[in-house]
N, C-alpha and C. Protein backbone atom coordinates (compact mmCIF):
# COMPACT_ATOMS: atom_id res chain seq x y z
N UNK A 1 -16.94 26.77 32.61
CA UNK A 1 -17.63 26.63 31.34
C UNK A 1 -16.65 26.75 30.17
N UNK A 2 -15.70 27.72 30.28
CA UNK A 2 -14.73 27.90 29.21
C UNK A 2 -13.85 26.65 29.06
N UNK A 3 -13.48 26.05 30.20
CA UNK A 3 -12.64 24.85 30.16
C UNK A 3 -13.38 23.71 29.44
N UNK A 4 -14.64 23.58 29.69
CA UNK A 4 -15.45 22.55 29.06
C UNK A 4 -15.53 22.79 27.55
N UNK A 5 -15.72 24.03 27.16
CA UNK A 5 -15.79 24.38 25.74
C UNK A 5 -14.45 24.10 25.05
N UNK A 6 -13.35 24.49 25.67
CA UNK A 6 -12.01 24.24 25.11
C UNK A 6 -11.77 22.73 25.00
N UNK A 7 -12.12 22.00 26.04
CA UNK A 7 -11.95 20.55 26.02
C UNK A 7 -12.78 19.91 24.90
N UNK A 8 -13.98 20.39 24.71
CA UNK A 8 -14.85 19.88 23.64
C UNK A 8 -14.24 20.17 22.26
N UNK A 9 -13.74 21.38 22.06
CA UNK A 9 -13.12 21.74 20.77
C UNK A 9 -11.90 20.87 20.52
N UNK A 10 -11.06 20.68 21.52
CA UNK A 10 -9.86 19.84 21.38
C UNK A 10 -10.27 18.40 21.07
N UNK A 11 -11.27 17.89 21.74
CA UNK A 11 -11.72 16.51 21.52
C UNK A 11 -12.23 16.34 20.08
N UNK A 12 -12.99 17.29 19.59
CA UNK A 12 -13.50 17.22 18.21
C UNK A 12 -12.34 17.27 17.22
N UNK A 13 -11.36 18.14 17.46
CA UNK A 13 -10.20 18.26 16.58
C UNK A 13 -9.40 16.95 16.55
N UNK A 14 -9.11 16.40 17.70
CA UNK A 14 -8.34 15.16 17.79
C UNK A 14 -9.12 14.00 17.16
N UNK A 15 -10.40 13.94 17.42
CA UNK A 15 -11.24 12.88 16.83
C UNK A 15 -11.28 12.97 15.32
N UNK A 16 -11.40 14.17 14.79
CA UNK A 16 -11.41 14.37 13.34
C UNK A 16 -10.07 13.97 12.73
N UNK A 17 -8.98 14.35 13.37
CA UNK A 17 -7.64 14.00 12.88
C UNK A 17 -7.46 12.48 12.90
N UNK A 18 -7.92 11.82 13.95
CA UNK A 18 -7.80 10.37 14.05
C UNK A 18 -8.57 9.67 12.92
N UNK A 19 -9.77 10.12 12.65
CA UNK A 19 -10.59 9.53 11.59
C UNK A 19 -9.93 9.75 10.23
N UNK A 20 -9.37 10.93 10.00
CA UNK A 20 -8.71 11.23 8.73
C UNK A 20 -7.51 10.32 8.52
N UNK A 21 -6.71 10.12 9.55
CA UNK A 21 -5.54 9.25 9.43
C UNK A 21 -5.97 7.80 9.25
N UNK A 22 -6.95 7.36 9.99
CA UNK A 22 -7.41 5.97 9.91
C UNK A 22 -8.03 5.65 8.56
N UNK A 23 -8.66 6.63 7.93
CA UNK A 23 -9.33 6.37 6.66
C UNK A 23 -8.39 6.50 5.46
N UNK A 24 -7.18 7.03 5.66
CA UNK A 24 -6.22 7.18 4.57
C UNK A 24 -5.57 5.84 4.28
N UNK A 25 -5.96 5.25 3.19
CA UNK A 25 -5.41 3.94 2.83
C UNK A 25 -4.53 4.05 1.61
N UNK A 26 -3.94 5.20 1.40
CA UNK A 26 -3.03 5.37 0.29
C UNK A 26 -3.75 5.83 -0.97
N UNK A 27 -2.97 6.00 -2.03
CA UNK A 27 -3.54 6.49 -3.29
C UNK A 27 -4.43 5.44 -3.97
N UNK A 28 -5.35 5.89 -4.78
CA UNK A 28 -6.23 4.98 -5.51
C UNK A 28 -5.47 4.23 -6.59
N UNK A 29 -4.44 4.89 -7.13
CA UNK A 29 -3.66 4.28 -8.20
C UNK A 29 -2.19 4.60 -7.98
N UNK A 30 -1.31 3.62 -8.27
CA UNK A 30 0.12 3.80 -8.11
C UNK A 30 0.78 3.47 -9.44
N UNK A 31 1.72 4.33 -9.86
CA UNK A 31 2.44 4.08 -11.12
C UNK A 31 3.91 3.85 -10.81
N UNK A 32 4.43 2.75 -11.33
CA UNK A 32 5.84 2.42 -11.19
C UNK A 32 6.50 2.59 -12.55
N UNK A 33 7.52 3.43 -12.61
CA UNK A 33 8.25 3.63 -13.86
C UNK A 33 9.48 2.74 -13.85
N UNK A 34 9.47 1.71 -14.71
CA UNK A 34 10.56 0.74 -14.76
C UNK A 34 10.99 0.50 -16.20
N UNK A 35 12.20 -0.04 -16.38
CA UNK A 35 12.76 -0.23 -17.72
C UNK A 35 11.89 -1.10 -18.62
N UNK A 36 11.32 -2.13 -18.09
CA UNK A 36 10.54 -3.09 -18.88
C UNK A 36 9.24 -2.47 -19.42
N UNK A 37 8.84 -1.36 -18.83
CA UNK A 37 7.59 -0.69 -19.18
C UNK A 37 6.86 -0.31 -17.91
N UNK A 38 6.19 0.80 -17.91
CA UNK A 38 5.53 1.29 -16.71
C UNK A 38 4.39 0.37 -16.27
N UNK A 39 4.24 0.26 -14.96
CA UNK A 39 3.19 -0.57 -14.38
C UNK A 39 2.23 0.35 -13.63
N UNK A 40 0.96 0.30 -13.99
CA UNK A 40 -0.07 1.06 -13.29
C UNK A 40 -0.85 0.08 -12.42
N UNK A 41 -0.83 0.34 -11.13
CA UNK A 41 -1.43 -0.57 -10.15
C UNK A 41 -2.67 0.07 -9.55
N UNK A 42 -3.81 -0.60 -9.66
CA UNK A 42 -5.07 -0.11 -9.11
C UNK A 42 -5.13 -0.48 -7.62
N UNK A 43 -4.62 0.41 -6.79
CA UNK A 43 -4.53 0.17 -5.35
C UNK A 43 -5.92 0.08 -4.72
N UNK A 44 -6.84 0.94 -5.14
CA UNK A 44 -8.18 0.95 -4.56
C UNK A 44 -8.90 -0.38 -4.78
N UNK A 45 -8.77 -0.94 -5.97
CA UNK A 45 -9.43 -2.21 -6.26
C UNK A 45 -8.88 -3.33 -5.39
N UNK A 46 -7.58 -3.32 -5.16
CA UNK A 46 -6.96 -4.37 -4.35
C UNK A 46 -7.32 -4.23 -2.88
N UNK A 47 -7.56 -3.01 -2.42
CA UNK A 47 -7.96 -2.81 -1.02
C UNK A 47 -9.28 -3.51 -0.72
N UNK A 48 -10.15 -3.56 -1.71
CA UNK A 48 -11.42 -4.24 -1.52
C UNK A 48 -11.30 -5.76 -1.50
N UNK A 49 -10.17 -6.27 -1.99
CA UNK A 49 -9.97 -7.72 -2.06
C UNK A 49 -9.17 -8.28 -0.88
N UNK A 50 -8.38 -7.42 -0.24
CA UNK A 50 -7.48 -7.86 0.82
C UNK A 50 -7.90 -7.21 2.13
N UNK A 51 -8.07 -8.00 3.17
CA UNK A 51 -8.56 -7.48 4.44
C UNK A 51 -7.50 -6.72 5.24
N UNK A 52 -6.24 -7.12 5.12
CA UNK A 52 -5.18 -6.56 5.93
C UNK A 52 -4.06 -6.01 5.06
N UNK A 53 -3.63 -4.78 5.30
CA UNK A 53 -2.56 -4.16 4.50
C UNK A 53 -1.27 -4.98 4.54
N UNK A 54 -1.03 -5.68 5.66
CA UNK A 54 0.20 -6.47 5.80
C UNK A 54 0.26 -7.63 4.80
N UNK A 55 -0.86 -7.99 4.20
CA UNK A 55 -0.86 -9.04 3.19
C UNK A 55 0.07 -8.65 2.05
N UNK A 56 0.04 -7.41 1.65
CA UNK A 56 0.89 -6.93 0.56
C UNK A 56 2.09 -6.13 1.06
N UNK A 57 1.90 -5.39 2.13
CA UNK A 57 2.93 -4.46 2.58
C UNK A 57 3.86 -5.05 3.63
N UNK A 58 3.79 -6.32 3.88
CA UNK A 58 4.71 -7.04 4.76
C UNK A 58 4.57 -6.62 6.22
N UNK A 59 4.76 -5.34 6.52
CA UNK A 59 4.68 -4.87 7.90
C UNK A 59 3.35 -4.18 8.20
N UNK A 60 2.56 -3.95 7.16
CA UNK A 60 1.31 -3.23 7.33
C UNK A 60 1.47 -1.74 7.11
N UNK A 61 2.73 -1.28 7.02
CA UNK A 61 3.01 0.13 6.77
C UNK A 61 3.51 0.32 5.36
N UNK A 62 4.05 1.47 5.11
CA UNK A 62 4.52 1.79 3.77
C UNK A 62 6.02 2.07 3.76
N UNK A 63 6.74 1.44 4.69
CA UNK A 63 8.18 1.64 4.77
C UNK A 63 8.88 0.99 3.59
N UNK A 64 10.07 1.48 3.28
CA UNK A 64 10.86 0.81 2.25
C UNK A 64 11.49 -0.43 2.88
N UNK A 65 11.87 -1.38 2.06
CA UNK A 65 12.51 -2.61 2.57
C UNK A 65 13.75 -2.28 3.39
N UNK A 66 14.50 -1.28 2.90
CA UNK A 66 15.77 -0.92 3.54
C UNK A 66 15.58 -0.25 4.90
N UNK A 67 14.37 0.12 5.26
CA UNK A 67 14.16 0.72 6.57
C UNK A 67 14.30 -0.33 7.68
N UNK A 68 14.12 -1.60 7.34
CA UNK A 68 14.31 -2.68 8.32
C UNK A 68 15.49 -3.58 7.95
N UNK A 69 15.62 -3.89 6.66
CA UNK A 69 16.70 -4.73 6.19
C UNK A 69 17.88 -3.84 5.83
N UNK A 70 19.10 -4.28 6.15
CA UNK A 70 20.23 -3.47 5.69
C UNK A 70 20.40 -3.67 4.19
N UNK A 71 21.26 -2.89 3.57
CA UNK A 71 21.42 -2.89 2.12
C UNK A 71 21.75 -4.23 1.52
N UNK A 72 22.47 -5.07 2.24
CA UNK A 72 22.86 -6.36 1.67
C UNK A 72 21.76 -7.40 1.79
N UNK A 73 20.84 -7.23 2.73
CA UNK A 73 19.78 -8.22 2.95
C UNK A 73 18.43 -7.78 2.40
N UNK A 74 18.32 -6.54 1.96
CA UNK A 74 17.04 -6.04 1.46
C UNK A 74 16.72 -6.69 0.13
N UNK A 75 15.50 -7.18 -0.02
CA UNK A 75 15.13 -7.78 -1.31
C UNK A 75 15.05 -6.70 -2.38
N UNK A 76 15.33 -7.09 -3.62
CA UNK A 76 15.15 -6.15 -4.73
C UNK A 76 13.66 -5.93 -4.88
N UNK A 77 13.27 -4.69 -5.15
CA UNK A 77 11.84 -4.39 -5.27
C UNK A 77 11.22 -5.22 -6.40
N UNK A 78 11.96 -5.42 -7.48
CA UNK A 78 11.45 -6.24 -8.58
C UNK A 78 11.07 -7.64 -8.08
N UNK A 79 11.96 -8.25 -7.31
CA UNK A 79 11.69 -9.60 -6.79
C UNK A 79 10.52 -9.59 -5.81
N UNK A 80 10.46 -8.58 -4.96
CA UNK A 80 9.38 -8.50 -3.97
C UNK A 80 8.02 -8.36 -4.66
N UNK A 81 7.95 -7.45 -5.65
CA UNK A 81 6.69 -7.26 -6.36
C UNK A 81 6.31 -8.49 -7.17
N UNK A 82 7.26 -9.02 -7.91
CA UNK A 82 6.96 -10.20 -8.73
C UNK A 82 6.49 -11.36 -7.87
N UNK A 83 7.19 -11.63 -6.78
CA UNK A 83 6.79 -12.75 -5.92
C UNK A 83 5.42 -12.52 -5.30
N UNK A 84 5.22 -11.35 -4.74
CA UNK A 84 3.96 -11.07 -4.07
C UNK A 84 2.78 -11.02 -5.04
N UNK A 85 2.92 -10.23 -6.09
CA UNK A 85 1.80 -10.02 -7.01
C UNK A 85 1.50 -11.27 -7.85
N UNK A 86 2.51 -11.79 -8.50
CA UNK A 86 2.29 -12.94 -9.38
C UNK A 86 1.84 -14.16 -8.58
N UNK A 87 2.43 -14.39 -7.41
CA UNK A 87 2.02 -15.54 -6.60
C UNK A 87 0.56 -15.43 -6.18
N UNK A 88 0.14 -14.23 -5.79
CA UNK A 88 -1.26 -14.04 -5.40
C UNK A 88 -2.18 -14.24 -6.59
N UNK A 89 -1.82 -13.68 -7.74
CA UNK A 89 -2.64 -13.84 -8.93
C UNK A 89 -2.77 -15.30 -9.33
N UNK A 90 -1.69 -16.05 -9.23
CA UNK A 90 -1.74 -17.49 -9.55
C UNK A 90 -2.61 -18.23 -8.54
N UNK A 91 -2.44 -17.91 -7.27
CA UNK A 91 -3.21 -18.57 -6.20
C UNK A 91 -4.71 -18.30 -6.33
N UNK A 92 -5.05 -17.05 -6.62
CA UNK A 92 -6.46 -16.66 -6.73
C UNK A 92 -7.07 -17.04 -8.08
N UNK A 93 -6.22 -17.36 -9.05
CA UNK A 93 -6.70 -17.75 -10.36
C UNK A 93 -7.18 -16.57 -11.21
N UNK A 94 -6.78 -15.37 -10.83
CA UNK A 94 -7.15 -14.20 -11.63
C UNK A 94 -6.09 -13.13 -11.44
N UNK A 95 -5.98 -12.26 -12.43
CA UNK A 95 -4.98 -11.20 -12.41
C UNK A 95 -3.83 -11.55 -13.34
N UNK A 96 -3.12 -10.54 -13.80
CA UNK A 96 -2.04 -10.77 -14.77
C UNK A 96 -0.86 -11.51 -14.17
N UNK A 97 -0.25 -12.37 -14.99
CA UNK A 97 0.95 -13.09 -14.56
C UNK A 97 2.05 -13.03 -15.62
N UNK A 98 1.75 -12.50 -16.79
CA UNK A 98 2.74 -12.40 -17.86
C UNK A 98 3.25 -10.96 -17.94
N UNK A 99 4.50 -10.80 -18.37
CA UNK A 99 5.19 -9.50 -18.36
C UNK A 99 4.37 -8.37 -18.95
N UNK A 100 3.95 -8.52 -20.19
CA UNK A 100 3.30 -7.42 -20.90
C UNK A 100 1.86 -7.17 -20.43
N UNK A 101 1.35 -8.01 -19.54
CA UNK A 101 0.03 -7.76 -18.98
C UNK A 101 0.09 -6.65 -17.92
N UNK A 102 1.28 -6.41 -17.37
CA UNK A 102 1.46 -5.34 -16.38
C UNK A 102 2.34 -4.22 -16.94
N UNK A 103 3.41 -4.61 -17.61
CA UNK A 103 4.38 -3.64 -18.11
C UNK A 103 3.94 -3.10 -19.46
N UNK A 104 3.79 -1.78 -19.56
CA UNK A 104 3.36 -1.12 -20.79
C UNK A 104 4.41 -0.10 -21.18
N UNK A 105 4.96 -0.26 -22.39
CA UNK A 105 5.97 0.70 -22.88
C UNK A 105 5.32 1.87 -23.55
């Protein structure tokens, strides 16, 4: 009986941990501090528009570019964000595409 109870407690703990990790989709808002002016990105709103994290995050995770690409082949974050964000906004016909629409000094 004790073994069954311990097994049940462990199963509930593991199940709860799995649900917590699976439901963590990152912060609701992300702020990038850059020279051109800070960019505040509404991450939660974009999650509702995109079905798969890999659409924006390339690998589906939150690794830095340099974790897979070496220093000479890693894209500049500015280029990666501009290409990904602006291209999607142009394709979808909505969202900012001009500098000062995202960058705020």
